[in-house]
All heavy atoms as atom14 arrays in JSON, in Angstrom:
{
  "sequence": "FTHLNMDADAVGSSCALVREFRRLGKKSWVL",
  "atom14_mask": [
    [1, 1, 1, 1, 1, 1, 1, 1, 1, 1, 1, 0, 0, 0],
    [1, 1, 1, 1, 1, 1, 1, 0, 0, 0, 0, 0, 0, 0],
    [1, 1, 1, 1, 1, 1, 1, 1, 1, 1, 0, 0, 0, 0],
    [1, 1, 1, 1, 1, 1, 1, 1, 0, 0, 0, 0, 0, 0],
    [1, 1, 1, 1, 1, 1, 1, 1, 0, 0, 0, 0, 0, 0],
    [1, 1, 1, 1, 1, 1, 1, 1, 0, 0, 0, 0, 0, 0],
    [1, 1, 1, 1, 1, 1, 1, 1, 0, 0, 0, 0, 0, 0],
    [1, 1, 1, 1, 1, 0, 0, 0, 0, 0, 0, 0, 0, 0],
    [1, 1, 1, 1, 1, 1, 1, 1, 0, 0, 0, 0, 0, 0],
    [1, 1, 1, 1, 1, 0, 0, 0, 0, 0, 0, 0, 0, 0],
    [1, 1, 1, 1, 1, 1, 1, 0, 0, 0, 0, 0, 0, 0],
    [1, 1, 1, 1, 0, 0, 0, 0, 0, 0, 0, 0, 0, 0],
    [1, 1, 1, 1, 1, 1, 0, 0, 0, 0, 0, 0, 0, 0],
    [1, 1, 1, 1, 1, 1, 0, 0, 0, 0, 0, 0, 0, 0],
    [1, 1, 1, 1, 1, 1, 0, 0, 0, 0, 0, 0, 0, 0],
    [1, 1, 1, 1, 1, 0, 0, 0, 0, 0, 0, 0, 0, 0],
    [1, 1, 1, 1, 1, 1, 1, 1, 0, 0, 0, 0, 0, 0],
    [1, 1, 1, 1, 1, 1, 1, 0, 0, 0, 0, 0, 0, 0],
    [1, 1, 1, 1, 1, 1, 1, 1, 1, 1, 1, 0, 0, 0],
    [1, 1, 1, 1, 1, 1, 1, 1, 1, 0, 0, 0, 0, 0],
    [1, 1, 1, 1, 1, 1, 1, 1, 1, 1, 1, 0, 0, 0],
    [1, 1, 1, 1, 1, 1, 1, 1, 1, 1, 1, 0, 0, 0],
    [1, 1, 1, 1, 1, 1, 1, 1, 1, 1, 1, 0, 0, 0],
    [1, 1, 1, 1, 1, 1, 1, 1, 0, 0, 0, 0, 0, 0],
    [1, 1, 1, 1, 0, 0, 0, 0, 0, 0, 0, 0, 0, 0],
    [1, 1, 1, 1, 1, 1, 1, 1, 1, 0, 0, 0, 0, 0],
    [1, 1, 1, 1, 1, 1, 1, 1, 1, 0, 0, 0, 0, 0],
    [1, 1, 1, 1, 1, 1, 0, 0, 0, 0, 0, 0, 0, 0],
    [1, 1, 1, 1, 1, 1, 1, 1, 1, 1, 1, 1, 1, 1],
    [1, 1, 1, 1, 1, 1, 1, 0, 0, 0, 0, 0, 0, 0],
    [1, 1, 1, 1, 1, 1, 1, 1, 0, 0, 0, 0, 0, 0]
  ],
  "atom14_positions": [
    [[-66.79, 204.19, 27.27], [-67.09, 203.39, 26.08], [-68.07, 202.28, 26.45], [-68.06, 201.78, 27.58], [-65.81, 202.72, 25.55], [-64.76, 203.68, 25.08], [-64.05, 204.46, 25.99], [-64.45, 203.79, 23.73], [-63.06, 205.35, 25.57], [-63.46, 204.67, 23.29], [-62.78, 205.45, 24.21], [0.0, 0.0, 0.0], [0.0, 0.0, 0.0], [0.0, 0.0, 0.0]],
    [[-68.88, 201.87, 25.49], [-69.72, 200.7, 25.69], [-69.9, 199.99, 24.35], [-69.33, 200.38, 23.34], [-71.05, 201.07, 26.35], [-71.7, 199.89, 26.81], [-71.96, 201.85, 25.4], [0.0, 0.0, 0.0], [0.0, 0.0, 0.0], [0.0, 0.0, 0.0], [0.0, 0.0, 0.0], [0.0, 0.0, 0.0], [0.0, 0.0, 0.0], [0.0, 0.0, 0.0]],
    [[-70.71, 198.94, 24.35], [-70.7, 197.99, 23.24], [-71.63, 198.35, 22.08], [-72.52, 199.2, 22.21], [-71.02, 196.59, 23.73], [-72.35, 196.5, 24.44], [-73.56, 196.49, 23.8], [-72.64, 196.39, 25.77], [-74.54, 196.38, 24.67], [-74.01, 196.32, 25.88], [0.0, 0.0, 0.0], [0.0, 0.0, 0.0], [0.0, 0.0, 0.0], [0.0, 0.0, 0.0]],
    [[-71.39, 197.69, 20.97], [-72.27, 197.77, 19.8], [-73.69, 197.36, 20.18], [-73.9, 196.62, 21.14], [-71.78, 196.81, 18.71], [-70.64, 197.24, 17.8], [-70.09, 196.02, 17.08], [-71.13, 198.26, 16.79], [0.0, 0.0, 0.0], [0.0, 0.0, 0.0], [0.0, 0.0, 0.0], [0.0, 0.0, 0.0], [0.0, 0.0, 0.0], [0.0, 0.0, 0.0]],
    [[-74.67, 197.82, 19.38], [-76.07, 197.43, 19.62], [-76.45, 197.68, 21.07], [-76.86, 196.76, 21.8], [-76.3, 195.97, 19.23], [-75.99, 195.72, 17.77], [-76.41, 196.47, 16.9], [-75.24, 194.66, 17.49], [0.0, 0.0, 0.0], [0.0, 0.0, 0.0], [0.0, 0.0, 0.0], [0.0, 0.0, 0.0], [0.0, 0.0, 0.0], [0.0, 0.0, 0.0]],
    [[-76.33, 198.91, 21.48], [-76.47, 199.27, 22.88], [-77.85, 198.96, 23.45], [-78.87, 199.26, 22.83], [-76.19, 200.76, 23.04], [-74.8, 201.17, 22.6], [-74.64, 202.97, 22.49], [-75.79, 203.36, 21.16], [0.0, 0.0, 0.0], [0.0, 0.0, 0.0], [0.0, 0.0, 0.0], [0.0, 0.0, 0.0], [0.0, 0.0, 0.0], [0.0, 0.0, 0.0]],
    [[-77.85, 198.36, 24.63], [-79.08, 198.12, 25.36], [-79.2, 199.13, 26.5], [-78.36, 200.02, 26.65], [-79.13, 196.68, 25.88], [-77.9, 196.32, 26.71], [-77.15, 197.23, 27.13], [-77.68, 195.11, 26.94], [0.0, 0.0, 0.0], [0.0, 0.0, 0.0], [0.0, 0.0, 0.0], [0.0, 0.0, 0.0], [0.0, 0.0, 0.0], [0.0, 0.0, 0.0]],
    [[-80.24, 198.98, 27.3], [-80.46, 199.95, 28.38], [-79.37, 199.9, 29.43], [-79.04, 200.93, 30.04], [-81.83, 199.71, 29.01], [0.0, 0.0, 0.0], [0.0, 0.0, 0.0], [0.0, 0.0, 0.0], [0.0, 0.0, 0.0], [0.0, 0.0, 0.0], [0.0, 0.0, 0.0], [0.0, 0.0, 0.0], [0.0, 0.0, 0.0], [0.0, 0.0, 0.0]],
    [[-78.79, 198.74, 29.67], [-77.71, 198.65, 30.66], [-76.49, 199.43, 30.18], [-75.88, 200.19, 30.94], [-77.34, 197.18, 30.88], [-76.46, 196.98, 32.11], [-76.43, 197.87, 32.99], [-75.8, 195.93, 32.2], [0.0, 0.0, 0.0], [0.0, 0.0, 0.0], [0.0, 0.0, 0.0], [0.0, 0.0, 0.0], [0.0, 0.0, 0.0], [0.0, 0.0, 0.0]],
    [[-76.14, 199.26, 28.9], [-74.99, 199.98, 28.34], [-75.22, 201.49, 28.36], [-74.36, 202.26, 28.82], [-74.73, 199.5, 26.91], [0.0, 0.0, 0.0], [0.0, 0.0, 0.0], [0.0, 0.0, 0.0], [0.0, 0.0, 0.0], [0.0, 0.0, 0.0], [0.0, 0.0, 0.0], [0.0, 0.0, 0.0], [0.0, 0.0, 0.0], [0.0, 0.0, 0.0]],
    [[-76.38, 201.92, 27.88], [-76.67, 203.36, 27.8], [-76.86, 203.96, 29.19], [-76.29, 205.0, 29.52], [-77.91, 203.61, 26.92], [-78.26, 205.09, 26.91], [-77.68, 203.12, 25.5], [0.0, 0.0, 0.0], [0.0, 0.0, 0.0], [0.0, 0.0, 0.0], [0.0, 0.0, 0.0], [0.0, 0.0, 0.0], [0.0, 0.0, 0.0], [0.0, 0.0, 0.0]],
    [[-77.66, 203.3, 30.03], [-77.94, 203.84, 31.34], [-76.7, 203.92, 32.22], [-76.47, 204.94, 32.88], [0.0, 0.0, 0.0], [0.0, 0.0, 0.0], [0.0, 0.0, 0.0], [0.0, 0.0, 0.0], [0.0, 0.0, 0.0], [0.0, 0.0, 0.0], [0.0, 0.0, 0.0], [0.0, 0.0, 0.0], [0.0, 0.0, 0.0], [0.0, 0.0, 0.0]],
    [[-75.88, 202.86, 32.23], [-74.68, 202.85, 33.06], [-73.68, 203.9, 32.63], [-73.12, 204.64, 33.45], [-74.03, 201.47, 33.03], [-74.88, 200.49, 33.59], [0.0, 0.0, 0.0], [0.0, 0.0, 0.0], [0.0, 0.0, 0.0], [0.0, 0.0, 0.0], [0.0, 0.0, 0.0], [0.0, 0.0, 0.0], [0.0, 0.0, 0.0], [0.0, 0.0, 0.0]],
    [[-73.45, 203.99, 31.31], [-72.45, 204.93, 30.81], [-72.9, 206.38, 31.0], [-72.11, 207.25, 31.38], [-72.13, 204.64, 29.34], [-73.28, 204.75, 28.52], [0.0, 0.0, 0.0], [0.0, 0.0, 0.0], [0.0, 0.0, 0.0], [0.0, 0.0, 0.0], [0.0, 0.0, 0.0], [0.0, 0.0, 0.0], [0.0, 0.0, 0.0], [0.0, 0.0, 0.0]],
    [[-74.18, 206.65, 30.75], [-74.67, 208.02, 30.91], [-74.69, 208.46, 32.37], [-74.42, 209.62, 32.69], [-76.05, 208.16, 30.28], [-76.02, 208.16, 28.46], [0.0, 0.0, 0.0], [0.0, 0.0, 0.0], [0.0, 0.0, 0.0], [0.0, 0.0, 0.0], [0.0, 0.0, 0.0], [0.0, 0.0, 0.0], [0.0, 0.0, 0.0], [0.0, 0.0, 0.0]],
    [[-75.02, 207.52, 33.27], [-74.99, 207.85, 34.7], [-73.57, 208.24, 35.12], [-73.37, 209.2, 35.88], [-75.49, 206.67, 35.52], [0.0, 0.0, 0.0], [0.0, 0.0, 0.0], [0.0, 0.0, 0.0], [0.0, 0.0, 0.0], [0.0, 0.0, 0.0], [0.0, 0.0, 0.0], [0.0, 0.0, 0.0], [0.0, 0.0, 0.0], [0.0, 0.0, 0.0]],
    [[-72.58, 207.51, 34.63], [-71.19, 207.81, 34.96], [-70.8, 209.2, 34.48], [-70.23, 210.0, 35.25], [-70.27, 206.77, 34.32], [-70.19, 205.42, 35.03], [-69.58, 204.37, 34.12], [-69.37, 205.55, 36.32], [0.0, 0.0, 0.0], [0.0, 0.0, 0.0], [0.0, 0.0, 0.0], [0.0, 0.0, 0.0], [0.0, 0.0, 0.0], [0.0, 0.0, 0.0]],
    [[-71.09, 209.51, 33.22], [-70.68, 210.81, 32.68], [-71.4, 211.95, 33.39], [-70.79, 212.98, 33.69], [-70.94, 210.85, 31.16], [-70.79, 212.27, 30.62], [-69.96, 209.92, 30.44], [0.0, 0.0, 0.0], [0.0, 0.0, 0.0], [0.0, 0.0, 0.0], [0.0, 0.0, 0.0], [0.0, 0.0, 0.0], [0.0, 0.0, 0.0], [0.0, 0.0, 0.0]],
    [[-72.66, 211.76, 33.71], [-73.41, 212.8, 34.42], [-72.73, 213.12, 35.75], [-72.55, 214.29, 36.11], [-74.86, 212.33, 34.64], [-75.77, 213.4, 35.22], [-77.12, 212.79, 35.56], [-77.82, 212.34, 34.37], [-78.65, 213.1, 33.66], [-78.86, 214.36, 34.02], [-79.28, 212.61, 32.62], [0.0, 0.0, 0.0], [0.0, 0.0, 0.0], [0.0, 0.0, 0.0]],
    [[-72.34, 212.08, 36.48], [-71.72, 212.3, 37.78], [-70.28, 212.79, 37.66], [-69.82, 213.61, 38.48], [-71.79, 211.02, 38.63], [-73.21, 210.62, 39.0], [-73.97, 211.74, 39.7], [-73.38, 212.43, 40.56], [-75.16, 211.94, 39.37], [0.0, 0.0, 0.0], [0.0, 0.0, 0.0], [0.0, 0.0, 0.0], [0.0, 0.0, 0.0], [0.0, 0.0, 0.0]],
    [[-69.54, 212.32, 36.66], [-68.19, 212.83, 36.45], [-68.21, 214.34, 36.18], [-67.37, 215.1, 36.68], [-67.51, 212.1, 35.3], [-67.16, 210.67, 35.58], [-67.0, 209.75, 34.54], [-66.98, 210.22, 36.88], [-66.66, 208.43, 34.8], [-66.65, 208.89, 37.14], [-66.49, 208.0, 36.1], [0.0, 0.0, 0.0], [0.0, 0.0, 0.0], [0.0, 0.0, 0.0]],
    [[-69.18, 214.77, 35.38], [-69.28, 216.2, 35.08], [-69.63, 217.0, 36.33], [-69.16, 218.13, 36.5], [-70.32, 216.42, 33.99], [-69.87, 215.95, 32.61], [-70.88, 216.32, 31.56], [-70.49, 215.87, 30.23], [-71.23, 216.05, 29.13], [-72.39, 216.68, 29.22], [-70.81, 215.61, 27.96], [0.0, 0.0, 0.0], [0.0, 0.0, 0.0], [0.0, 0.0, 0.0]],
    [[-70.45, 216.43, 37.19], [-70.77, 217.12, 38.44], [-69.53, 217.31, 39.31], [-69.48, 218.23, 40.13], [-71.84, 216.35, 39.21], [-73.24, 216.4, 38.58], [-74.21, 215.59, 39.4], [-74.41, 216.21, 40.72], [-74.66, 215.53, 41.83], [-74.69, 214.2, 41.81], [-74.85, 216.16, 42.97], [0.0, 0.0, 0.0], [0.0, 0.0, 0.0], [0.0, 0.0, 0.0]],
    [[-68.55, 216.42, 39.12], [-67.29, 216.53, 39.85], [-66.3, 217.48, 39.15], [-65.17, 217.64, 39.6], [-66.64, 215.15, 40.0], [-67.39, 214.15, 40.88], [-66.7, 212.79, 40.83], [-67.48, 214.65, 42.32], [0.0, 0.0, 0.0], [0.0, 0.0, 0.0], [0.0, 0.0, 0.0], [0.0, 0.0, 0.0], [0.0, 0.0, 0.0], [0.0, 0.0, 0.0]],
    [[-66.74, 218.07, 38.03], [-65.89, 219.02, 37.32], [-64.96, 218.4, 36.31], [-64.04, 219.07, 35.81], [0.0, 0.0, 0.0], [0.0, 0.0, 0.0], [0.0, 0.0, 0.0], [0.0, 0.0, 0.0], [0.0, 0.0, 0.0], [0.0, 0.0, 0.0], [0.0, 0.0, 0.0], [0.0, 0.0, 0.0], [0.0, 0.0, 0.0], [0.0, 0.0, 0.0]],
    [[-65.18, 217.15, 35.96], [-64.31, 216.48, 35.0], [-64.86, 216.63, 33.59], [-66.08, 216.72, 33.38], [-64.22, 214.98, 35.35], [-63.72, 214.71, 36.76], [-63.69, 213.23, 37.06], [-63.35, 212.98, 38.53], [-62.01, 213.5, 38.88], [0.0, 0.0, 0.0], [0.0, 0.0, 0.0], [0.0, 0.0, 0.0], [0.0, 0.0, 0.0], [0.0, 0.0, 0.0]],
    [[-63.96, 216.65, 32.61], [-64.36, 216.62, 31.22], [-64.67, 215.18, 30.86], [-63.8, 214.31, 30.96], [-63.25, 217.17, 30.32], [-63.65, 217.33, 28.86], [-62.55, 217.99, 28.06], [-63.0, 218.23, 26.62], [-61.92, 218.87, 25.81], [0.0, 0.0, 0.0], [0.0, 0.0, 0.0], [0.0, 0.0, 0.0], [0.0, 0.0, 0.0], [0.0, 0.0, 0.0]],
    [[-65.9, 214.92, 30.46], [-66.31, 213.53, 30.26], [-67.41, 213.41, 29.22], [-68.3, 214.27, 29.13], [-66.79, 212.93, 31.59], [-67.05, 211.55, 31.47], [0.0, 0.0, 0.0], [0.0, 0.0, 0.0], [0.0, 0.0, 0.0], [0.0, 0.0, 0.0], [0.0, 0.0, 0.0], [0.0, 0.0, 0.0], [0.0, 0.0, 0.0], [0.0, 0.0, 0.0]],
    [[-67.33, 212.33, 28.44], [-68.33, 212.01, 27.42], [-68.48, 210.49, 27.33], [-67.54, 209.75, 27.61], [-67.91, 212.51, 26.03], [-67.87, 213.99, 25.87], [-66.82, 214.83, 26.15], [-68.93, 214.82, 25.38], [-67.16, 216.13, 25.87], [-68.44, 216.17, 25.39], [-70.22, 214.58, 24.94], [-69.22, 217.23, 24.98], [-71.0, 215.64, 24.52], [-70.5, 216.95, 24.54]],
    [[-69.65, 210.06, 26.88], [-69.81, 208.69, 26.41], [-69.49, 208.7, 24.92], [-70.12, 209.45, 24.16], [-71.24, 208.16, 26.6], [-71.33, 206.7, 26.14], [-71.68, 208.28, 28.05], [0.0, 0.0, 0.0], [0.0, 0.0, 0.0], [0.0, 0.0, 0.0], [0.0, 0.0, 0.0], [0.0, 0.0, 0.0], [0.0, 0.0, 0.0], [0.0, 0.0, 0.0]],
    [[-68.51, 207.93, 24.5], [-68.16, 207.84, 23.09], [-68.81, 206.59, 22.52], [-68.39, 205.47, 22.8], [-66.64, 207.78, 22.92], [-66.12, 207.67, 21.48], [-66.63, 208.85, 20.64], [-64.6, 207.62, 21.45], [0.0, 0.0, 0.0], [0.0, 0.0, 0.0], [0.0, 0.0, 0.0], [0.0, 0.0, 0.0], [0.0, 0.0, 0.0], [0.0, 0.0, 0.0]]
  ]
}
């Protein structure tokens, strides 16, 4: 999860996490 009115830190950090979680075989999304 991240905040309203998303900036690059919110989007970049959350998407990097989900990308790597999926590489580990986990079910993951940014909501």
